[in-house]
């Protein structure tokens, strides 16, 4: 297993620790350690992709696991925010539904020997979602910060829908070719 793939696996392994620290009350500085883990996981996403492209270490495992690791990390955080009452459940459902739809699309494409590359809209969406999660974890609970959280929540939702529509339009041939 090459270094970028090890970093991706490490990111997935950090998720349970992130969840425990975020959700279990009474852990000293738990929220701040969870925040640090989340930020490290987000930064490791950029690092593994950069290393894989720069050193020509792109693998099928990495193509599959890297986006899955991002989805697991962000979805885990979003579900925690629903439990905490900071993000409406319907927004999280829309975001997670988009991930299932795109994953299904990629599976159909893969069965037909095609690869759907990440789009810029998808990258913007992931970045907005990660920033939104960081803001909700920090939760400074002042007016300016609350407005910033709301802006990023709505931005993440809008970019989620825009990136979904973009994927569906650009790759609609996959469904028609996959049904032959």
N, C-alpha and C. Protein backbone atom coordinates (compact mmCIF):
# COMPACT_ATOMS: atom_id res chain seq x y z
N UNK A 1 0.86 -1.18 0.00
CA UNK A 1 0.00 0.00 0.00
C UNK A 1 0.90 1.24 0.00
N UNK A 2 0.62 2.15 -0.93
CA UNK A 2 1.47 3.33 -1.04
C UNK A 2 1.08 4.39 0.01
N UNK A 3 1.91 5.43 0.12
CA UNK A 3 1.71 6.45 1.16
C UNK A 3 0.38 7.19 1.05
N UNK A 4 -0.05 7.64 -0.14
CA UNK A 4 -1.35 8.31 -0.20
C UNK A 4 -2.50 7.42 0.29
N UNK A 5 -2.45 6.14 -0.05
CA UNK A 5 -3.51 5.23 0.42
C UNK A 5 -3.45 5.02 1.93
N UNK A 6 -2.24 4.99 2.48
CA UNK A 6 -2.10 4.86 3.94
C UNK A 6 -2.68 6.10 4.63
N UNK A 7 -2.46 7.27 4.04
CA UNK A 7 -3.02 8.50 4.62
C UNK A 7 -4.55 8.45 4.58
N UNK A 8 -5.10 7.96 3.48
CA UNK A 8 -6.56 7.83 3.36
C UNK A 8 -7.10 6.88 4.42
N UNK A 9 -6.46 5.74 4.60
CA UNK A 9 -6.90 4.77 5.62
C UNK A 9 -6.78 5.39 7.01
N UNK A 10 -5.70 6.13 7.24
CA UNK A 10 -5.52 6.83 8.52
C UNK A 10 -6.68 7.79 8.77
N UNK A 11 -7.13 8.51 7.72
CA UNK A 11 -8.25 9.44 7.85
C UNK A 11 -9.51 8.70 8.29
N UNK A 12 -9.77 7.56 7.69
CA UNK A 12 -10.94 6.77 8.08
C UNK A 12 -10.81 6.30 9.53
N UNK A 13 -9.62 5.90 9.92
CA UNK A 13 -9.40 5.41 11.29
C UNK A 13 -9.55 6.52 12.33
N UNK A 14 -9.39 7.77 11.93
CA UNK A 14 -9.55 8.89 12.87
C UNK A 14 -11.02 9.18 13.20
N UNK A 15 -11.94 8.74 12.33
CA UNK A 15 -13.35 9.09 12.49
C UNK A 15 -13.92 8.62 13.83
N UNK A 16 -13.71 7.36 14.27
CA UNK A 16 -14.28 6.97 15.57
C UNK A 16 -13.76 7.82 16.74
N UNK A 17 -12.49 8.18 16.69
CA UNK A 17 -11.92 9.02 17.76
C UNK A 17 -12.56 10.41 17.73
N UNK A 18 -12.74 10.94 16.53
CA UNK A 18 -13.42 12.22 16.37
C UNK A 18 -14.82 12.16 16.98
N UNK A 19 -15.55 11.11 16.66
CA UNK A 19 -16.93 10.97 17.15
C UNK A 19 -16.99 10.85 18.67
N UNK A 20 -16.12 10.03 19.22
CA UNK A 20 -16.10 9.85 20.68
C UNK A 20 -15.82 11.18 21.37
N UNK A 21 -14.81 11.87 20.88
CA UNK A 21 -14.43 13.14 21.51
C UNK A 21 -15.51 14.21 21.34
N UNK A 22 -16.23 14.17 20.25
CA UNK A 22 -17.27 15.17 20.01
C UNK A 22 -18.55 14.85 20.79
N UNK A 23 -18.87 13.58 20.93
CA UNK A 23 -20.18 13.19 21.48
C UNK A 23 -20.19 12.82 22.96
N UNK A 24 -19.09 12.30 23.47
CA UNK A 24 -19.08 11.83 24.86
C UNK A 24 -18.83 13.02 25.78
N UNK A 25 -19.81 13.32 26.64
CA UNK A 25 -19.63 14.45 27.55
C UNK A 25 -18.60 14.14 28.64
N UNK A 26 -17.97 15.18 29.12
CA UNK A 26 -17.06 15.04 30.25
C UNK A 26 -15.62 14.75 29.89
N UNK A 27 -15.31 14.58 28.60
CA UNK A 27 -13.91 14.37 28.22
C UNK A 27 -13.24 15.74 28.21
N UNK A 28 -12.22 15.91 29.04
CA UNK A 28 -11.57 17.23 29.08
C UNK A 28 -11.08 17.65 27.70
N UNK A 29 -11.49 18.83 27.30
CA UNK A 29 -11.11 19.42 26.00
C UNK A 29 -11.53 18.55 24.82
N UNK A 30 -12.53 17.70 25.02
CA UNK A 30 -12.96 16.78 23.97
C UNK A 30 -13.33 17.47 22.67
N UNK A 31 -14.08 18.56 22.80
CA UNK A 31 -14.52 19.28 21.59
C UNK A 31 -13.32 19.84 20.83
N UNK A 32 -12.32 20.32 21.54
CA UNK A 32 -11.16 20.92 20.88
C UNK A 32 -10.26 19.86 20.25
N UNK A 33 -10.15 18.73 20.92
CA UNK A 33 -9.37 17.63 20.34
C UNK A 33 -10.11 17.08 19.12
N UNK A 34 -11.45 16.98 19.20
CA UNK A 34 -12.26 16.56 18.05
C UNK A 34 -12.05 17.52 16.89
N UNK A 35 -12.02 18.81 17.19
CA UNK A 35 -11.79 19.82 16.16
C UNK A 35 -10.42 19.61 15.51
N UNK A 36 -9.40 19.38 16.32
CA UNK A 36 -8.06 19.16 15.79
C UNK A 36 -8.03 17.92 14.90
N UNK A 37 -8.68 16.85 15.34
CA UNK A 37 -8.73 15.63 14.54
C UNK A 37 -9.44 15.90 13.21
N UNK A 38 -10.56 16.62 13.27
CA UNK A 38 -11.31 16.92 12.06
C UNK A 38 -10.45 17.74 11.08
N UNK A 39 -9.77 18.74 11.58
CA UNK A 39 -8.92 19.57 10.71
C UNK A 39 -7.77 18.75 10.13
N UNK A 40 -7.14 17.92 10.95
CA UNK A 40 -6.07 17.05 10.45
C UNK A 40 -6.61 16.12 9.36
N UNK A 41 -7.79 15.57 9.59
CA UNK A 41 -8.40 14.69 8.59
C UNK A 41 -8.67 15.45 7.29
N UNK A 42 -9.17 16.67 7.40
CA UNK A 42 -9.43 17.49 6.21
C UNK A 42 -8.13 17.80 5.46
N UNK A 43 -7.11 18.15 6.20
CA UNK A 43 -5.82 18.46 5.57
C UNK A 43 -5.19 17.21 4.95
N UNK A 44 -5.40 16.05 5.58
CA UNK A 44 -4.85 14.82 5.03
C UNK A 44 -5.51 14.47 3.70
N UNK A 45 -6.74 14.93 3.50
CA UNK A 45 -7.42 14.72 2.22
C UNK A 45 -6.66 15.43 1.11
N UNK A 46 -6.28 16.67 1.35
CA UNK A 46 -5.51 17.42 0.35
C UNK A 46 -4.13 16.79 0.15
N UNK A 47 -3.52 16.36 1.24
CA UNK A 47 -2.17 15.80 1.18
C UNK A 47 -2.14 14.50 0.38
N UNK A 48 -3.06 13.58 0.67
CA UNK A 48 -2.98 12.30 -0.04
C UNK A 48 -3.24 12.47 -1.54
N UNK A 49 -4.16 13.36 -1.90
CA UNK A 49 -4.41 13.60 -3.31
C UNK A 49 -3.21 14.23 -4.00
N UNK A 50 -2.60 15.19 -3.34
CA UNK A 50 -1.42 15.84 -3.90
C UNK A 50 -0.28 14.84 -4.10
N UNK A 51 -0.02 14.03 -3.09
CA UNK A 51 1.06 13.04 -3.19
C UNK A 51 0.78 12.01 -4.29
N UNK A 52 -0.47 11.58 -4.38
CA UNK A 52 -0.81 10.57 -5.38
C UNK A 52 -0.60 11.11 -6.80
N UNK A 53 -1.04 12.34 -7.04
CA UNK A 53 -0.88 12.92 -8.38
C UNK A 53 0.59 13.25 -8.68
N UNK A 54 1.25 13.87 -7.72
CA UNK A 54 2.63 14.32 -7.93
C UNK A 54 3.57 13.14 -8.18
N UNK A 55 3.38 12.06 -7.44
CA UNK A 55 4.29 10.91 -7.52
C UNK A 55 3.75 9.77 -8.37
N UNK A 56 2.67 10.05 -9.12
CA UNK A 56 2.06 9.04 -9.99
C UNK A 56 1.70 7.78 -9.21
N UNK A 57 1.07 7.99 -8.06
CA UNK A 57 0.67 6.88 -7.20
C UNK A 57 -0.85 6.72 -7.13
N UNK A 58 -1.53 7.18 -8.17
CA UNK A 58 -2.98 7.06 -8.22
C UNK A 58 -3.33 5.59 -8.43
N UNK A 59 -4.19 5.06 -7.55
CA UNK A 59 -4.59 3.65 -7.63
C UNK A 59 -6.10 3.54 -7.65
N UNK A 60 -6.60 2.38 -8.04
CA UNK A 60 -8.05 2.15 -8.00
C UNK A 60 -8.55 2.23 -6.56
N UNK A 61 -7.75 1.68 -5.64
CA UNK A 61 -8.11 1.75 -4.21
C UNK A 61 -8.27 3.21 -3.78
N UNK A 62 -7.32 4.05 -4.15
CA UNK A 62 -7.36 5.47 -3.80
C UNK A 62 -8.54 6.19 -4.43
N UNK A 63 -8.83 5.87 -5.69
CA UNK A 63 -9.97 6.49 -6.38
C UNK A 63 -11.28 6.16 -5.68
N UNK A 64 -11.35 4.95 -5.13
CA UNK A 64 -12.56 4.53 -4.43
C UNK A 64 -12.57 5.04 -2.99
N UNK A 65 -11.47 4.84 -2.30
CA UNK A 65 -11.44 5.07 -0.85
C UNK A 65 -11.35 6.54 -0.47
N UNK A 66 -10.64 7.36 -1.24
CA UNK A 66 -10.46 8.77 -0.89
C UNK A 66 -11.80 9.51 -0.81
N UNK A 67 -12.65 9.43 -1.85
CA UNK A 67 -13.94 10.12 -1.71
C UNK A 67 -14.82 9.50 -0.63
N UNK A 68 -14.70 8.18 -0.44
CA UNK A 68 -15.49 7.52 0.60
C UNK A 68 -15.07 8.03 1.98
N UNK A 69 -13.77 8.19 2.19
CA UNK A 69 -13.27 8.70 3.47
C UNK A 69 -13.82 10.09 3.75
N UNK A 70 -13.85 10.95 2.71
CA UNK A 70 -14.41 12.30 2.88
C UNK A 70 -15.88 12.23 3.26
N UNK A 71 -16.62 11.37 2.56
CA UNK A 71 -18.05 11.23 2.82
C UNK A 71 -18.31 10.73 4.24
N UNK A 72 -17.52 9.76 4.67
CA UNK A 72 -17.68 9.24 6.03
C UNK A 72 -17.39 10.31 7.08
N UNK A 73 -16.32 11.05 6.87
CA UNK A 73 -15.93 12.09 7.82
C UNK A 73 -17.00 13.18 7.92
N UNK A 74 -17.39 13.73 6.79
CA UNK A 74 -18.36 14.83 6.79
C UNK A 74 -19.73 14.34 7.24
N UNK A 75 -20.16 13.19 6.76
CA UNK A 75 -21.48 12.66 7.15
C UNK A 75 -21.53 12.38 8.65
N UNK A 76 -20.46 11.86 9.20
CA UNK A 76 -20.41 11.60 10.64
C UNK A 76 -20.58 12.89 11.43
N UNK A 77 -19.87 13.93 11.01
CA UNK A 77 -19.98 15.23 11.69
C UNK A 77 -21.40 15.78 11.56
N UNK A 78 -21.96 15.70 10.35
CA UNK A 78 -23.30 16.25 10.12
C UNK A 78 -24.35 15.54 10.98
N UNK A 79 -24.23 14.24 11.10
CA UNK A 79 -25.19 13.50 11.93
C UNK A 79 -25.05 13.92 13.39
N UNK A 80 -23.84 14.18 13.84
CA UNK A 80 -23.64 14.69 15.20
C UNK A 80 -24.32 16.05 15.38
N UNK A 81 -24.26 16.89 14.35
CA UNK A 81 -24.88 18.21 14.44
C UNK A 81 -26.40 18.12 14.49
N UNK A 82 -26.96 17.12 13.82
CA UNK A 82 -28.42 16.91 13.91
C UNK A 82 -28.78 16.53 15.34
N UNK A 83 -27.99 15.61 15.91
CA UNK A 83 -28.25 15.18 17.29
C UNK A 83 -28.14 16.37 18.26
N UNK A 84 -27.19 17.24 17.99
CA UNK A 84 -26.99 18.42 18.85
C UNK A 84 -28.02 19.51 18.58
N UNK A 85 -28.77 19.37 17.50
CA UNK A 85 -29.79 20.36 17.17
C UNK A 85 -29.26 21.61 16.49
N UNK A 86 -28.05 21.53 15.91
CA UNK A 86 -27.47 22.71 15.28
C UNK A 86 -27.69 22.77 13.77
N UNK A 87 -27.95 21.63 13.15
CA UNK A 87 -28.23 21.60 11.71
C UNK A 87 -29.53 20.83 11.51
N UNK A 88 -30.45 21.40 10.73
CA UNK A 88 -31.72 20.69 10.47
C UNK A 88 -31.48 19.34 9.78
N UNK A 89 -32.24 18.35 10.19
CA UNK A 89 -32.07 17.00 9.65
C UNK A 89 -32.27 16.96 8.14
N UNK A 90 -33.22 17.74 7.62
CA UNK A 90 -33.49 17.68 6.18
C UNK A 90 -32.28 18.12 5.36
N UNK A 91 -31.50 19.06 5.87
CA UNK A 91 -30.29 19.49 5.16
C UNK A 91 -29.28 18.35 5.11
N UNK A 92 -29.13 17.66 6.22
CA UNK A 92 -28.20 16.53 6.28
C UNK A 92 -28.69 15.41 5.36
N UNK A 93 -29.98 15.19 5.30
CA UNK A 93 -30.53 14.17 4.41
C UNK A 93 -30.21 14.52 2.96
N UNK A 94 -30.39 15.77 2.57
CA UNK A 94 -30.08 16.19 1.19
C UNK A 94 -28.60 15.96 0.89
N UNK A 95 -27.74 16.35 1.82
CA UNK A 95 -26.29 16.21 1.60
C UNK A 95 -25.90 14.73 1.49
N UNK A 96 -26.40 13.91 2.40
CA UNK A 96 -26.04 12.49 2.37
C UNK A 96 -26.68 11.80 1.16
N UNK A 97 -27.90 12.19 0.80
CA UNK A 97 -28.55 11.61 -0.39
C UNK A 97 -27.73 11.88 -1.64
N UNK A 98 -27.21 13.09 -1.75
CA UNK A 98 -26.36 13.42 -2.90
C UNK A 98 -25.16 12.49 -2.97
N UNK A 99 -24.58 12.20 -1.82
CA UNK A 99 -23.41 11.32 -1.80
C UNK A 99 -23.77 9.91 -2.26
N UNK A 100 -24.94 9.41 -1.84
CA UNK A 100 -25.38 8.09 -2.28
C UNK A 100 -25.64 8.08 -3.79
N UNK A 101 -26.26 9.13 -4.29
CA UNK A 101 -26.56 9.21 -5.72
C UNK A 101 -25.28 9.20 -6.54
N UNK A 102 -24.33 10.04 -6.16
CA UNK A 102 -23.06 10.10 -6.91
C UNK A 102 -22.30 8.79 -6.78
N UNK A 103 -22.32 8.18 -5.60
CA UNK A 103 -21.63 6.89 -5.44
C UNK A 103 -22.27 5.83 -6.33
N UNK A 104 -23.60 5.83 -6.42
CA UNK A 104 -24.29 4.91 -7.32
C UNK A 104 -23.93 5.16 -8.77
N UNK A 105 -23.89 6.42 -9.13
CA UNK A 105 -23.49 6.80 -10.49
C UNK A 105 -22.09 6.29 -10.80
N UNK A 106 -21.18 6.48 -9.85
CA UNK A 106 -19.80 6.02 -10.06
C UNK A 106 -19.72 4.50 -10.17
N UNK A 107 -20.57 3.81 -9.43
CA UNK A 107 -20.60 2.35 -9.50
C UNK A 107 -21.06 1.88 -10.87
N UNK A 108 -22.12 2.49 -11.39
CA UNK A 108 -22.61 2.15 -12.73
C UNK A 108 -21.52 2.45 -13.76
N UNK A 109 -20.87 3.60 -13.63
CA UNK A 109 -19.79 3.97 -14.55
C UNK A 109 -18.66 2.95 -14.48
N UNK A 110 -18.29 2.56 -13.29
CA UNK A 110 -17.20 1.60 -13.10
C UNK A 110 -17.54 0.27 -13.75
N UNK A 111 -18.79 -0.17 -13.61
CA UNK A 111 -19.22 -1.42 -14.24
C UNK A 111 -19.11 -1.35 -15.76
N UNK A 112 -19.15 -0.13 -16.29
CA UNK A 112 -19.04 0.07 -17.74
C UNK A 112 -17.65 0.52 -18.16
N UNK A 113 -16.67 0.36 -17.25
CA UNK A 113 -15.29 0.69 -17.57
C UNK A 113 -15.00 2.18 -17.63
N UNK A 114 -15.86 2.99 -17.03
CA UNK A 114 -15.66 4.44 -17.05
C UNK A 114 -15.37 4.94 -15.63
N UNK A 115 -14.67 6.04 -15.57
CA UNK A 115 -14.37 6.67 -14.29
C UNK A 115 -14.95 8.07 -14.31
N UNK A 116 -15.68 8.42 -13.27
CA UNK A 116 -16.19 9.78 -13.14
C UNK A 116 -15.22 10.52 -12.22
N UNK A 117 -14.53 11.46 -12.80
CA UNK A 117 -13.58 12.25 -12.02
C UNK A 117 -14.32 13.28 -11.18
N UNK A 118 -13.69 13.69 -10.11
CA UNK A 118 -14.27 14.74 -9.26
C UNK A 118 -14.29 16.04 -10.05
N UNK A 119 -15.39 16.77 -9.93
CA UNK A 119 -15.51 18.04 -10.62
C UNK A 119 -15.12 19.17 -9.68
N UNK A 120 -14.94 20.35 -10.25
CA UNK A 120 -14.65 21.50 -9.41
C UNK A 120 -15.82 21.80 -8.48
N UNK A 121 -17.05 21.63 -8.97
CA UNK A 121 -18.22 21.85 -8.10
C UNK A 121 -18.16 20.91 -6.91
N UNK A 122 -17.79 19.65 -7.16
CA UNK A 122 -17.68 18.68 -6.07
C UNK A 122 -16.59 19.06 -5.07
N UNK A 123 -15.49 19.59 -5.58
CA UNK A 123 -14.41 20.02 -4.68
C UNK A 123 -14.84 21.24 -3.86
N UNK A 124 -15.53 22.18 -4.51
CA UNK A 124 -16.05 23.36 -3.78
C UNK A 124 -17.04 22.91 -2.71
N UNK A 125 -17.89 21.96 -3.08
CA UNK A 125 -18.90 21.43 -2.14
C UNK A 125 -18.22 20.82 -0.93
N UNK A 126 -17.22 19.99 -1.17
CA UNK A 126 -16.52 19.34 -0.05
C UNK A 126 -15.84 20.37 0.84
N UNK A 127 -15.21 21.37 0.23
CA UNK A 127 -14.55 22.42 1.01
C UNK A 127 -15.56 23.19 1.85
N UNK A 128 -16.68 23.56 1.25
CA UNK A 128 -17.72 24.29 2.00
C UNK A 128 -18.26 23.44 3.14
N UNK A 129 -18.47 22.16 2.89
CA UNK A 129 -18.98 21.27 3.94
C UNK A 129 -17.97 21.15 5.08
N UNK A 130 -16.70 21.03 4.74
CA UNK A 130 -15.68 20.89 5.79
C UNK A 130 -15.56 22.17 6.61
N UNK A 131 -15.60 23.33 5.94
CA UNK A 131 -15.56 24.60 6.68
C UNK A 131 -16.79 24.73 7.57
N UNK A 132 -17.96 24.37 7.04
CA UNK A 132 -19.19 24.41 7.83
C UNK A 132 -19.04 23.54 9.08
N UNK A 133 -18.51 22.34 8.91
CA UNK A 133 -18.33 21.43 10.06
C UNK A 133 -17.38 22.03 11.09
N UNK A 134 -16.29 22.60 10.62
CA UNK A 134 -15.33 23.23 11.53
C UNK A 134 -16.01 24.34 12.33
N UNK A 135 -16.80 25.16 11.65
CA UNK A 135 -17.49 26.26 12.33
C UNK A 135 -18.47 25.74 13.38
N UNK A 136 -19.21 24.68 13.03
CA UNK A 136 -20.17 24.13 14.00
C UNK A 136 -19.48 23.43 15.17
N UNK A 137 -18.31 22.86 14.94
CA UNK A 137 -17.57 22.25 16.05
C UNK A 137 -17.06 23.35 16.99
N UNK A 138 -16.50 24.41 16.41
CA UNK A 138 -15.98 25.52 17.23
C UNK A 138 -17.11 26.14 18.04
N UNK A 139 -18.22 26.46 17.38
CA UNK A 139 -19.44 26.97 18.00
C UNK A 139 -19.18 28.04 19.07
N UNK A 140 -18.71 29.20 18.61
CA UNK A 140 -18.41 30.29 19.55
C UNK A 140 -19.66 30.97 20.11
N UNK A 141 -20.80 30.73 19.49
CA UNK A 141 -22.09 31.20 19.99
C UNK A 141 -22.13 32.71 20.21
N UNK A 142 -21.69 33.45 19.19
CA UNK A 142 -21.92 34.89 19.19
C UNK A 142 -22.59 35.25 17.86
N UNK A 143 -23.14 36.41 17.76
CA UNK A 143 -23.95 36.76 16.59
C UNK A 143 -23.19 36.64 15.28
N UNK A 144 -22.00 37.21 15.22
CA UNK A 144 -21.22 37.13 13.98
C UNK A 144 -20.93 35.68 13.61
N UNK A 145 -20.51 34.91 14.58
CA UNK A 145 -20.15 33.52 14.33
C UNK A 145 -21.38 32.70 13.92
N UNK A 146 -22.52 32.97 14.57
CA UNK A 146 -23.75 32.26 14.22
C UNK A 146 -24.16 32.57 12.78
N UNK A 147 -24.00 33.81 12.35
CA UNK A 147 -24.30 34.18 10.96
C UNK A 147 -23.35 33.46 10.01
N UNK A 148 -22.08 33.40 10.36
CA UNK A 148 -21.08 32.71 9.54
C UNK A 148 -21.42 31.22 9.41
N UNK A 149 -21.83 30.60 10.51
CA UNK A 149 -22.25 29.20 10.47
C UNK A 149 -23.41 29.01 9.50
N UNK A 150 -24.39 29.90 9.59
CA UNK A 150 -25.56 29.80 8.72
C UNK A 150 -25.18 30.01 7.25
N UNK A 151 -24.32 30.96 6.99
CA UNK A 151 -23.87 31.21 5.61
C UNK A 151 -23.23 29.95 5.04
N UNK A 152 -22.34 29.34 5.80
CA UNK A 152 -21.66 28.14 5.29
C UNK A 152 -22.59 26.94 5.22
N UNK A 153 -23.57 26.86 6.11
CA UNK A 153 -24.54 25.77 6.03
C UNK A 153 -25.32 25.87 4.72
N UNK A 154 -25.80 27.07 4.41
CA UNK A 154 -26.58 27.26 3.18
C UNK A 154 -25.69 27.14 1.95
N UNK A 155 -24.46 27.65 2.03
CA UNK A 155 -23.53 27.53 0.91
C UNK A 155 -23.23 26.06 0.63
N UNK A 156 -22.99 25.29 1.69
CA UNK A 156 -22.73 23.86 1.53
C UNK A 156 -23.93 23.16 0.90
N UNK A 157 -25.13 23.51 1.33
CA UNK A 157 -26.34 22.90 0.78
C UNK A 157 -26.48 23.26 -0.71
N UNK A 158 -26.31 24.53 -1.04
CA UNK A 158 -26.44 24.97 -2.44
C UNK A 158 -25.39 24.28 -3.31
N UNK A 159 -24.14 24.26 -2.85
CA UNK A 159 -23.09 23.61 -3.64
C UNK A 159 -23.31 22.10 -3.75
N UNK A 160 -23.93 21.50 -2.75
CA UNK A 160 -24.27 20.09 -2.81
C UNK A 160 -25.24 19.83 -3.95
N UNK A 161 -26.28 20.65 -4.03
CA UNK A 161 -27.29 20.48 -5.08
C UNK A 161 -26.70 20.83 -6.46
N UNK A 162 -25.95 21.92 -6.54
CA UNK A 162 -25.35 22.32 -7.82
C UNK A 162 -24.39 21.24 -8.32
N UNK A 163 -23.58 20.70 -7.42
CA UNK A 163 -22.62 19.67 -7.86
C UNK A 163 -23.35 18.40 -8.29
N UNK A 164 -24.46 18.08 -7.63
CA UNK A 164 -25.26 16.91 -8.03
C UNK A 164 -25.81 17.12 -9.45
N UNK A 165 -26.42 18.27 -9.68
CA UNK A 165 -26.98 18.56 -11.00
C UNK A 165 -25.88 18.54 -12.06
N UNK A 166 -24.72 19.12 -11.74
CA UNK A 166 -23.59 19.13 -12.66
C UNK A 166 -23.16 17.71 -13.01
N UNK A 167 -23.01 16.84 -12.01
CA UNK A 167 -22.63 15.44 -12.26
C UNK A 167 -23.67 14.75 -13.13
N UNK A 168 -24.94 14.94 -12.81
CA UNK A 168 -26.00 14.25 -13.55
C UNK A 168 -26.04 14.69 -15.00
N UNK A 169 -25.92 15.99 -15.23
CA UNK A 169 -25.96 16.50 -16.61
C UNK A 169 -24.74 16.04 -17.40
N UNK A 170 -23.55 16.20 -16.81
CA UNK A 170 -22.33 15.84 -17.53
C UNK A 170 -22.19 14.34 -17.77
N UNK A 171 -22.82 13.54 -16.93
CA UNK A 171 -22.63 12.09 -17.01
C UNK A 171 -23.92 11.33 -17.30
N UNK A 172 -24.91 12.00 -17.86
CA UNK A 172 -26.19 11.34 -18.13
C UNK A 172 -26.04 10.16 -19.08
N UNK A 173 -25.02 10.19 -19.94
CA UNK A 173 -24.79 9.10 -20.87
C UNK A 173 -24.48 7.78 -20.15
N UNK A 174 -23.99 7.87 -18.94
CA UNK A 174 -23.66 6.64 -18.18
C UNK A 174 -24.90 5.82 -17.92
N UNK A 175 -25.99 6.48 -17.58
CA UNK A 175 -27.23 5.75 -17.31
C UNK A 175 -27.76 5.14 -18.61
N UNK A 176 -27.74 5.91 -19.69
CA UNK A 176 -28.27 5.37 -20.95
C UNK A 176 -27.37 4.27 -21.49
N UNK A 177 -26.04 4.43 -21.39
CA UNK A 177 -25.13 3.38 -21.84
C UNK A 177 -25.15 2.19 -20.90
N UNK A 178 -25.35 2.45 -19.61
CA UNK A 178 -25.38 1.37 -18.62
C UNK A 178 -26.62 0.52 -18.71
N UNK A 179 -27.66 1.04 -19.35
CA UNK A 179 -28.91 0.27 -19.43
C UNK A 179 -28.99 -0.60 -20.68
N UNK A 180 -27.94 -0.59 -21.50
CA UNK A 180 -27.94 -1.41 -22.73
C UNK A 180 -27.73 -2.86 -22.44
